[in-house]
């Protein structure tokens, strides 16, 4: 248990920040799954549209340092190659 007022406040802030970051990670996973589902459906036009929207989500979350920039690049690369293989 936190002993000082500063430590108690930091513990409160950590709980709020953890909830926010968890929400953002969930949004990221949902965006990635949406692209995977669109690729599996076989419709390249729809998959391309979902892919471009998901790239925005991935970049935004990486900019906030919720995930590392290299992890974001890896996800984008793998999704792009899966989309290219659809052709």
PDB file of N, CA and C in Angstrom:
ATOM      1  N   UNK A   1       0.846  -1.192   0.000  1.00  0.00           N
ATOM      2  CA  UNK A   1       0.000   0.000   0.000  1.00  0.00           C
ATOM      3  C   UNK A   1       0.880   1.241   0.000  1.00  0.00           C
ATOM      4  N   UNK A   2       0.440   2.260  -0.726  1.00  0.00           N
ATOM      5  CA  UNK A   2       1.200   3.509  -0.810  1.00  0.00           C
ATOM      6  C   UNK A   2       1.190   4.231   0.527  1.00  0.00           C
ATOM      7  N   UNK A   3       2.345   4.763   0.903  1.00  0.00           N
ATOM      8  CA  UNK A   3       2.480   5.422   2.209  1.00  0.00           C
ATOM      9  C   UNK A   3       2.353   6.934   2.134  1.00  0.00           C
ATOM     10  N   UNK A   4       2.715   7.538   1.029  1.00  0.00           N
ATOM     11  CA  UNK A   4       2.683   8.993   0.931  1.00  0.00           C
ATOM     12  C   UNK A   4       1.529   9.434   0.026  1.00  0.00           C
ATOM     13  N   UNK A   5       1.180  10.690   0.160  1.00  0.00           N
ATOM     14  CA  UNK A   5       0.108  11.241  -0.666  1.00  0.00           C
ATOM     15  C   UNK A   5       0.483  11.155  -2.143  1.00  0.00           C
ATOM     16  N   UNK A   6       1.748  11.418  -2.433  1.00  0.00           N
ATOM     17  CA  UNK A   6       2.215  11.356  -3.822  1.00  0.00           C
ATOM     18  C   UNK A   6       2.070   9.938  -4.378  1.00  0.00           C
ATOM     19  N   UNK A   7       2.449   8.943  -3.579  1.00  0.00           N
ATOM     20  CA  UNK A   7       2.367   7.556  -4.033  1.00  0.00           C
ATOM     21  C   UNK A   7       0.913   7.115  -4.202  1.00  0.00           C
ATOM     22  N   UNK A   8       0.030   7.597  -3.316  1.00  0.00           N
ATOM     23  CA  UNK A   8      -1.391   7.262  -3.452  1.00  0.00           C
ATOM     24  C   UNK A   8      -1.956   7.858  -4.743  1.00  0.00           C
ATOM     25  N   UNK A   9      -1.574   9.101  -5.030  1.00  0.00           N
ATOM     26  CA  UNK A   9      -2.058   9.741  -6.254  1.00  0.00           C
ATOM     27  C   UNK A   9      -1.532   9.012  -7.488  1.00  0.00           C
ATOM     28  N   UNK A  10      -0.255   8.638  -7.474  1.00  0.00           N
ATOM     29  CA  UNK A  10       0.315   7.926  -8.618  1.00  0.00           C
ATOM     30  C   UNK A  10      -0.386   6.576  -8.812  1.00  0.00           C
ATOM     31  N   UNK A  11      -0.761   5.926  -7.726  1.00  0.00           N
ATOM     32  CA  UNK A  11      -1.478   4.652  -7.825  1.00  0.00           C
ATOM     33  C   UNK A  11      -2.851   4.868  -8.457  1.00  0.00           C
ATOM     34  N   UNK A  12      -3.538   5.941  -8.071  1.00  0.00           N
ATOM     35  CA  UNK A  12      -4.837   6.264  -8.672  1.00  0.00           C
ATOM     36  C   UNK A  12      -4.680   6.544 -10.167  1.00  0.00           C
ATOM     37  N   UNK A  13      -3.656   7.309 -10.504  1.00  0.00           N
ATOM     38  CA  UNK A  13      -3.437   7.657 -11.903  1.00  0.00           C
ATOM     39  C   UNK A  13      -3.092   6.420 -12.725  1.00  0.00           C
ATOM     40  N   UNK A  14      -2.333   5.513 -12.105  1.00  0.00           N
ATOM     41  CA  UNK A  14      -1.926   4.298 -12.821  1.00  0.00           C
ATOM     42  C   UNK A  14      -3.139   3.447 -13.186  1.00  0.00           C
ATOM     43  N   UNK A  15      -4.115   3.399 -12.291  1.00  0.00           N
ATOM     44  CA  UNK A  15      -5.331   2.628 -12.565  1.00  0.00           C
ATOM     45  C   UNK A  15      -6.081   3.226 -13.757  1.00  0.00           C
ATOM     46  N   UNK A  16      -6.229   4.548 -13.776  1.00  0.00           N
ATOM     47  CA  UNK A  16      -6.931   5.205 -14.876  1.00  0.00           C
ATOM     48  C   UNK A  16      -6.175   5.034 -16.191  1.00  0.00           C
ATOM     49  N   UNK A  17      -4.847   5.194 -16.141  1.00  0.00           N
ATOM     50  CA  UNK A  17      -4.044   5.088 -17.354  1.00  0.00           C
ATOM     51  C   UNK A  17      -4.063   3.668 -17.895  1.00  0.00           C
ATOM     52  N   UNK A  18      -4.028   2.682 -16.991  1.00  0.00           N
ATOM     53  CA  UNK A  18      -4.066   1.284 -17.413  1.00  0.00           C
ATOM     54  C   UNK A  18      -5.390   0.975 -18.125  1.00  0.00           C
ATOM     55  N   UNK A  19      -6.483   1.502 -17.588  1.00  0.00           N
ATOM     56  CA  UNK A  19      -7.790   1.292 -18.221  1.00  0.00           C
ATOM     57  C   UNK A  19      -7.822   1.915 -19.615  1.00  0.00           C
ATOM     58  N   UNK A  20      -7.276   3.110 -19.743  1.00  0.00           N
ATOM     59  CA  UNK A  20      -7.253   3.795 -21.034  1.00  0.00           C
ATOM     60  C   UNK A  20      -6.390   3.040 -22.038  1.00  0.00           C
ATOM     61  N   UNK A  21      -5.206   2.619 -21.608  1.00  0.00           N
ATOM     62  CA  UNK A  21      -4.304   1.899 -22.506  1.00  0.00           C
ATOM     63  C   UNK A  21      -4.903   0.559 -22.926  1.00  0.00           C
ATOM     64  N   UNK A  22      -5.577  -0.110 -22.000  1.00  0.00           N
ATOM     65  CA  UNK A  22      -6.218  -1.381 -22.323  1.00  0.00           C
ATOM     66  C   UNK A  22      -7.287  -1.179 -23.391  1.00  0.00           C
ATOM     67  N   UNK A  23      -8.037  -0.110 -23.269  1.00  0.00           N
ATOM     68  CA  UNK A  23      -9.064   0.218 -24.250  1.00  0.00           C
ATOM     69  C   UNK A  23      -8.436   0.460 -25.626  1.00  0.00           C
ATOM     70  N   UNK A  24      -7.329   1.188 -25.650  1.00  0.00           N
ATOM     71  CA  UNK A  24      -6.656   1.481 -26.905  1.00  0.00           C
ATOM     72  C   UNK A  24      -6.104   0.202 -27.549  1.00  0.00           C
ATOM     73  N   UNK A  25      -5.535  -0.693 -26.740  1.00  0.00           N
ATOM     74  CA  UNK A  25      -5.026  -1.958 -27.262  1.00  0.00           C
ATOM     75  C   UNK A  25      -6.163  -2.797 -27.833  1.00  0.00           C
ATOM     76  N   UNK A  26      -7.320  -2.743 -27.187  1.00  0.00           N
ATOM     77  CA  UNK A  26      -8.483  -3.466 -27.681  1.00  0.00           C
ATOM     78  C   UNK A  26      -8.908  -2.918 -29.044  1.00  0.00           C
ATOM     79  N   UNK A  27      -8.888  -1.610 -29.191  1.00  0.00           N
ATOM     80  CA  UNK A  27      -9.221  -0.975 -30.465  1.00  0.00           C
ATOM     81  C   UNK A  27      -8.252  -1.429 -31.561  1.00  0.00           C
ATOM     82  N   UNK A  28      -6.980  -1.518 -31.204  1.00  0.00           N
ATOM     83  CA  UNK A  28      -5.965  -1.979 -32.139  1.00  0.00           C
ATOM     84  C   UNK A  28      -6.254  -3.395 -32.601  1.00  0.00           C
ATOM     85  N   UNK A  29      -6.515  -4.282 -31.653  1.00  0.00           N
ATOM     86  CA  UNK A  29      -6.774  -5.684 -31.994  1.00  0.00           C
ATOM     87  C   UNK A  29      -8.026  -5.815 -32.863  1.00  0.00           C
ATOM     88  N   UNK A  30      -9.038  -5.028 -32.560  1.00  0.00           N
ATOM     89  CA  UNK A  30     -10.269  -5.055 -33.342  1.00  0.00           C
ATOM     90  C   UNK A  30     -10.003  -4.609 -34.783  1.00  0.00           C
ATOM     91  N   UNK A  31      -9.184  -3.575 -34.945  1.00  0.00           N
ATOM     92  CA  UNK A  31      -8.860  -3.082 -36.286  1.00  0.00           C
ATOM     93  C   UNK A  31      -8.112  -4.139 -37.083  1.00  0.00           C
ATOM     94  N   UNK A  32      -7.173  -4.822 -36.434  1.00  0.00           N
ATOM     95  CA  UNK A  32      -6.397  -5.866 -37.116  1.00  0.00           C
ATOM     96  C   UNK A  32      -7.306  -7.025 -37.508  1.00  0.00           C
ATOM     97  N   UNK A  33      -8.195  -7.414 -36.597  1.00  0.00           N
ATOM     98  CA  UNK A  33      -9.122  -8.508 -36.890  1.00  0.00           C
ATOM     99  C   UNK A  33     -10.064  -8.139 -38.038  1.00  0.00           C
ATOM    100  N   UNK A  34     -10.463  -6.878 -38.115  1.00  0.00           N
ATOM    101  CA  UNK A  34     -11.354  -6.441 -39.187  1.00  0.00           C
ATOM    102  C   UNK A  34     -10.684  -6.599 -40.547  1.00  0.00           C
ATOM    103  N   UNK A  35      -9.391  -6.273 -40.609  1.00  0.00           N
ATOM    104  CA  UNK A  35      -8.667  -6.423 -41.877  1.00  0.00           C
ATOM    105  C   UNK A  35      -8.542  -7.899 -42.227  1.00  0.00           C
ATOM    106  N   UNK A  36      -8.187  -8.724 -41.245  1.00  0.00           N
ATOM    107  CA  UNK A  36      -8.057 -10.169 -41.483  1.00  0.00           C
ATOM    108  C   UNK A  36      -9.377 -10.751 -42.003  1.00  0.00           C
ATOM    109  N   UNK A  37     -10.486 -10.330 -41.398  1.00  0.00           N
ATOM    110  CA  UNK A  37     -11.798 -10.838 -41.804  1.00  0.00           C
ATOM    111  C   UNK A  37     -12.132 -10.394 -43.229  1.00  0.00           C
ATOM    112  N   UNK A  38     -11.805  -9.129 -43.551  1.00  0.00           N
ATOM    113  CA  UNK A  38     -12.074  -8.618 -44.896  1.00  0.00           C
ATOM    114  C   UNK A  38     -11.236  -9.355 -45.931  1.00  0.00           C
ATOM    115  N   UNK A  39     -10.000  -9.687 -45.585  1.00  0.00           N
ATOM    116  CA  UNK A  39      -9.136 -10.423 -46.515  1.00  0.00           C
ATOM    117  C   UNK A  39      -9.675 -11.833 -46.721  1.00  0.00           C
ATOM    118  N   UNK A  40     -10.130 -12.469 -45.637  1.00  0.00           N
ATOM    119  CA  UNK A  40     -10.676 -13.826 -45.749  1.00  0.00           C
ATOM    120  C   UNK A  40     -11.946 -13.869 -46.588  1.00  0.00           C
ATOM    121  N   UNK A  41     -12.702 -12.777 -46.592  1.00  0.00           N
ATOM    122  CA  UNK A  41     -13.932 -12.741 -47.387  1.00  0.00           C
ATOM    123  C   UNK A  41     -13.635 -12.756 -48.887  1.00  0.00           C
ATOM    124  N   UNK A  42     -12.433 -12.272 -49.244  1.00  0.00           N
ATOM    125  CA  UNK A  42     -12.028 -12.326 -50.643  1.00  0.00           C
ATOM    126  C   UNK A  42     -12.346 -11.083 -51.454  1.00  0.00           C
ATOM    127  N   UNK A  43     -13.017 -10.112 -50.877  1.00  0.00           N
ATOM    128  CA  UNK A  43     -13.355  -8.875 -51.582  1.00  0.00           C
ATOM    129  C   UNK A  43     -12.203  -7.885 -51.426  1.00  0.00           C
ATOM    130  N   UNK A  44     -11.422  -7.731 -52.485  1.00  0.00           N
ATOM    131  CA  UNK A  44     -10.218  -6.903 -52.395  1.00  0.00           C
ATOM    132  C   UNK A  44     -10.542  -5.427 -52.185  1.00  0.00           C
ATOM    133  N   UNK A  45     -11.583  -4.919 -52.808  1.00  0.00           N
ATOM    134  CA  UNK A  45     -11.935  -3.509 -52.668  1.00  0.00           C
ATOM    135  C   UNK A  45     -12.318  -3.180 -51.232  1.00  0.00           C
ATOM    136  N   UNK A  46     -13.148  -4.033 -50.635  1.00  0.00           N
ATOM    137  CA  UNK A  46     -13.552  -3.809 -49.244  1.00  0.00           C
ATOM    138  C   UNK A  46     -12.365  -3.983 -48.310  1.00  0.00           C
ATOM    139  N   UNK A  47     -11.526  -4.972 -48.586  1.00  0.00           N
ATOM    140  CA  UNK A  47     -10.359  -5.216 -47.742  1.00  0.00           C
ATOM    141  C   UNK A  47      -9.396  -4.039 -47.791  1.00  0.00           C
ATOM    142  N   UNK A  48      -9.234  -3.449 -48.964  1.00  0.00           N
ATOM    143  CA  UNK A  48      -8.346  -2.291 -49.100  1.00  0.00           C
ATOM    144  C   UNK A  48      -8.869  -1.107 -48.309  1.00  0.00           C
ATOM    145  N   UNK A  49     -10.170  -0.917 -48.336  1.00  0.00           N
ATOM    146  CA  UNK A  49     -10.771   0.191 -47.593  1.00  0.00           C
ATOM    147  C   UNK A  49     -10.601  -0.004 -46.086  1.00  0.00           C
ATOM    148  N   UNK A  50     -10.851  -1.207 -45.602  1.00  0.00           N
ATOM    149  CA  UNK A  50     -10.695  -1.502 -44.172  1.00  0.00           C
ATOM    150  C   UNK A  50      -9.225  -1.402 -43.775  1.00  0.00           C
ATOM    151  N   UNK A  51      -8.346  -1.822 -44.670  1.00  0.00           N
ATOM    152  CA  UNK A  51      -6.904  -1.769 -44.410  1.00  0.00           C
ATOM    153  C   UNK A  51      -6.448  -0.335 -44.195  1.00  0.00           C
ATOM    154  N   UNK A  52      -6.882   0.583 -45.062  1.00  0.00           N
ATOM    155  CA  UNK A  52      -6.447   1.977 -44.923  1.00  0.00           C
ATOM    156  C   UNK A  52      -6.969   2.592 -43.626  1.00  0.00           C
ATOM    157  N   UNK A  53      -8.169   2.225 -43.220  1.00  0.00           N
ATOM    158  CA  UNK A  53      -8.701   2.734 -41.946  1.00  0.00           C
ATOM    159  C   UNK A  53      -7.915   2.148 -40.768  1.00  0.00           C
ATOM    160  N   UNK A  54      -7.539   0.891 -40.876  1.00  0.00           N
ATOM    161  CA  UNK A  54      -6.809   0.236 -39.798  1.00  0.00           C
ATOM    162  C   UNK A  54      -5.392   0.775 -39.666  1.00  0.00           C
ATOM    163  N   UNK A  55      -4.788   1.147 -40.773  1.00  0.00           N
ATOM    164  CA  UNK A  55      -3.439   1.732 -40.732  1.00  0.00           C
ATOM    165  C   UNK A  55      -3.460   3.005 -39.891  1.00  0.00           C
ATOM    166  N   UNK A  56      -4.506   3.786 -40.051  1.00  0.00           N
ATOM    167  CA  UNK A  56      -4.650   5.011 -39.269  1.00  0.00           C
ATOM    168  C   UNK A  56      -4.719   4.698 -37.779  1.00  0.00           C
ATOM    169  N   UNK A  57      -5.493   3.674 -37.423  1.00  0.00           N
ATOM    170  CA  UNK A  57      -5.628   3.274 -36.018  1.00  0.00           C
ATOM    171  C   UNK A  57      -4.290   2.789 -35.473  1.00  0.00           C
ATOM    172  N   UNK A  58      -3.599   1.963 -36.235  1.00  0.00           N
ATOM    173  CA  UNK A  58      -2.319   1.405 -35.786  1.00  0.00           C
ATOM    174  C   UNK A  58      -1.300   2.523 -35.569  1.00  0.00           C
ATOM    175  N   UNK A  59      -1.223   3.452 -36.512  1.00  0.00           N
ATOM    176  CA  UNK A  59      -0.270   4.560 -36.382  1.00  0.00           C
ATOM    177  C   UNK A  59      -0.599   5.448 -35.189  1.00  0.00           C
ATOM    178  N   UNK A  60      -1.876   5.715 -34.985  1.00  0.00           N
ATOM    179  CA  UNK A  60      -2.287   6.575 -33.877  1.00  0.00           C
ATOM    180  C   UNK A  60      -1.900   5.959 -32.529  1.00  0.00           C
ATOM    181  N   UNK A  61      -2.101   4.652 -32.398  1.00  0.00           N
ATOM    182  CA  UNK A  61      -1.793   3.980 -31.143  1.00  0.00           C
ATOM    183  C   UNK A  61      -0.280   3.886 -30.935  1.00  0.00           C
ATOM    184  N   UNK A  62       0.474   3.727 -32.023  1.00  0.00           N
ATOM    185  CA  UNK A  62       1.929   3.710 -31.919  1.00  0.00           C
ATOM    186  C   UNK A  62       2.457   5.094 -31.545  1.00  0.00           C
ATOM    187  N   UNK A  63       1.836   6.145 -32.074  1.00  0.00           N
ATOM    188  CA  UNK A  63       2.266   7.507 -31.743  1.00  0.00           C
ATOM    189  C   UNK A  63       2.071   7.818 -30.264  1.00  0.00           C
ATOM    190  N   UNK A  64       1.060   7.205 -29.663  1.00  0.00           N
ATOM    191  CA  UNK A  64       0.804   7.406 -28.233  1.00  0.00           C
ATOM    192  C   UNK A  64       1.677   6.512 -27.364  1.00  0.00           C
ATOM    193  N   UNK A  65       2.532   5.705 -28.016  1.00  0.00           N
ATOM    194  CA  UNK A  65       3.462   4.798 -27.345  1.00  0.00           C
ATOM    195  C   UNK A  65       2.759   3.729 -26.526  1.00  0.00           C
ATOM    196  N   UNK A  66       1.565   3.345 -26.959  1.00  0.00           N
ATOM    197  CA  UNK A  66       0.865   2.238 -26.320  1.00  0.00           C
ATOM    198  C   UNK A  66       1.450   0.926 -26.833  1.00  0.00           C
ATOM    199  N   UNK A  67       1.848   0.925 -28.108  1.00  0.00           N
ATOM    200  CA  UNK A  67       2.653  -0.176 -28.638  1.00  0.00           C
ATOM    201  C   UNK A  67       3.899   0.444 -29.263  1.00  0.00           C
ATOM    202  N   UNK A  68       4.941  -0.346 -29.400  1.00  0.00           N
ATOM    203  CA  UNK A  68       6.192   0.145 -29.975  1.00  0.00           C
ATOM    204  C   UNK A  68       6.018   0.385 -31.467  1.00  0.00           C
ATOM    205  N   UNK A  69       6.742   1.357 -31.991  1.00  0.00           N
ATOM    206  CA  UNK A  69       6.628   1.691 -33.414  1.00  0.00           C
ATOM    207  C   UNK A  69       7.014   0.521 -34.312  1.00  0.00           C
ATOM    208  N   UNK A  70       7.960  -0.303 -33.872  1.00  0.00           N
ATOM    209  CA  UNK A  70       8.347  -1.457 -34.689  1.00  0.00           C
ATOM    210  C   UNK A  70       7.246  -2.507 -34.716  1.00  0.00           C
ATOM    211  N   UNK A  71       6.527  -2.654 -33.616  1.00  0.00           N
ATOM    212  CA  UNK A  71       5.406  -3.588 -33.593  1.00  0.00           C
ATOM    213  C   UNK A  71       4.315  -3.104 -34.538  1.00  0.00           C
ATOM    214  N   UNK A  72       4.084  -1.797 -34.546  1.00  0.00           N
ATOM    215  CA  UNK A  72       3.095  -1.227 -35.455  1.00  0.00           C
ATOM    216  C   UNK A  72       3.514  -1.476 -36.904  1.00  0.00           C
ATOM    217  N   UNK A  73       4.789  -1.274 -37.197  1.00  0.00           N
ATOM    218  CA  UNK A  73       5.292  -1.483 -38.552  1.00  0.00           C
ATOM    219  C   UNK A  73       5.153  -2.952 -38.950  1.00  0.00           C
ATOM    220  N   UNK A  74       5.397  -3.849 -38.008  1.00  0.00           N
ATOM    221  CA  UNK A  74       5.281  -5.284 -38.281  1.00  0.00           C
ATOM    222  C   UNK A  74       3.835  -5.654 -38.623  1.00  0.00           C
ATOM    223  N   UNK A  75       2.898  -5.141 -37.831  1.00  0.00           N
ATOM    224  CA  UNK A  75       1.479  -5.415 -38.107  1.00  0.00           C
ATOM    225  C   UNK A  75       1.084  -4.876 -39.485  1.00  0.00           C
ATOM    226  N   UNK A  76       1.473  -3.638 -39.785  1.00  0.00           N
ATOM    227  CA  UNK A  76       1.117  -3.039 -41.065  1.00  0.00           C
ATOM    228  C   UNK A  76       1.718  -3.832 -42.224  1.00  0.00           C
ATOM    229  N   UNK A  77       2.956  -4.256 -42.068  1.00  0.00           N
ATOM    230  CA  UNK A  77       3.625  -5.004 -43.120  1.00  0.00           C
ATOM    231  C   UNK A  77       2.939  -6.341 -43.373  1.00  0.00           C
ATOM    232  N   UNK A  78       2.593  -7.043 -42.315  1.00  0.00           N
ATOM    233  CA  UNK A  78       1.962  -8.346 -42.462  1.00  0.00           C
ATOM    234  C   UNK A  78       0.565  -8.225 -43.069  1.00  0.00           C
ATOM    235  N   UNK A  79      -0.161  -7.191 -42.662  1.00  0.00           N
ATOM    236  CA  UNK A  79      -1.484  -6.989 -43.244  1.00  0.00           C
ATOM    237  C   UNK A  79      -1.379  -6.614 -44.723  1.00  0.00           C
ATOM    238  N   UNK A  80      -0.391  -5.777 -45.048  1.00  0.00           N
ATOM    239  CA  UNK A  80      -0.210  -5.351 -46.437  1.00  0.00           C
ATOM    240  C   UNK A  80       0.168  -6.539 -47.319  1.00  0.00           C
ATOM    241  N   UNK A  81       1.038  -7.409 -46.806  1.00  0.00           N
ATOM    242  CA  UNK A  81       1.428  -8.560 -47.610  1.00  0.00           C
ATOM    243  C   UNK A  81       0.275  -9.539 -47.777  1.00  0.00           C
ATOM    244  N   UNK A  82      -0.562  -9.681 -46.746  1.00  0.00           N
ATOM    245  CA  UNK A  82      -1.742 -10.544 -46.860  1.00  0.00           C
ATOM    246  C   UNK A  82      -2.720  -9.974 -47.881  1.00  0.00           C
ATOM    247  N   UNK A  83      -2.859  -8.655 -47.885  1.00  0.00           N
ATOM    248  CA  UNK A  83      -3.754  -8.001 -48.843  1.00  0.00           C
ATOM    249  C   UNK A  83      -3.206  -8.144 -50.264  1.00  0.00           C
ATOM    250  N   UNK A  84      -1.896  -8.029 -50.409  1.00  0.00           N
ATOM    251  CA  UNK A  84      -1.281  -8.166 -51.729  1.00  0.00           C
ATOM    252  C   UNK A  84      -1.425  -9.594 -52.256  1.00  0.00           C
ATOM    253  N   UNK A  85      -1.346 -10.568 -51.355  1.00  0.00           N
ATOM    254  CA  UNK A  85      -1.474 -11.966 -51.761  1.00  0.00           C
ATOM    255  C   UNK A  85      -2.896 -12.302 -52.210  1.00  0.00           C
ATOM    256  N   UNK A  86      -3.841 -11.456 -51.825  1.00  0.00           N
ATOM    257  CA  UNK A  86      -5.240 -11.663 -52.204  1.00  0.00           C
ATOM    258  C   UNK A  86      -5.450 -11.516 -53.704  1.00  0.00           C
ATOM    259  N   UNK A  87      -4.616 -10.707 -54.333  1.00  0.00           N
ATOM    260  CA  UNK A  87      -4.774 -10.417 -55.773  1.00  0.00           C
ATOM    261  C   UNK A  87      -4.552 -11.651 -56.642  1.00  0.00           C
TER     262      UNK A  87
END
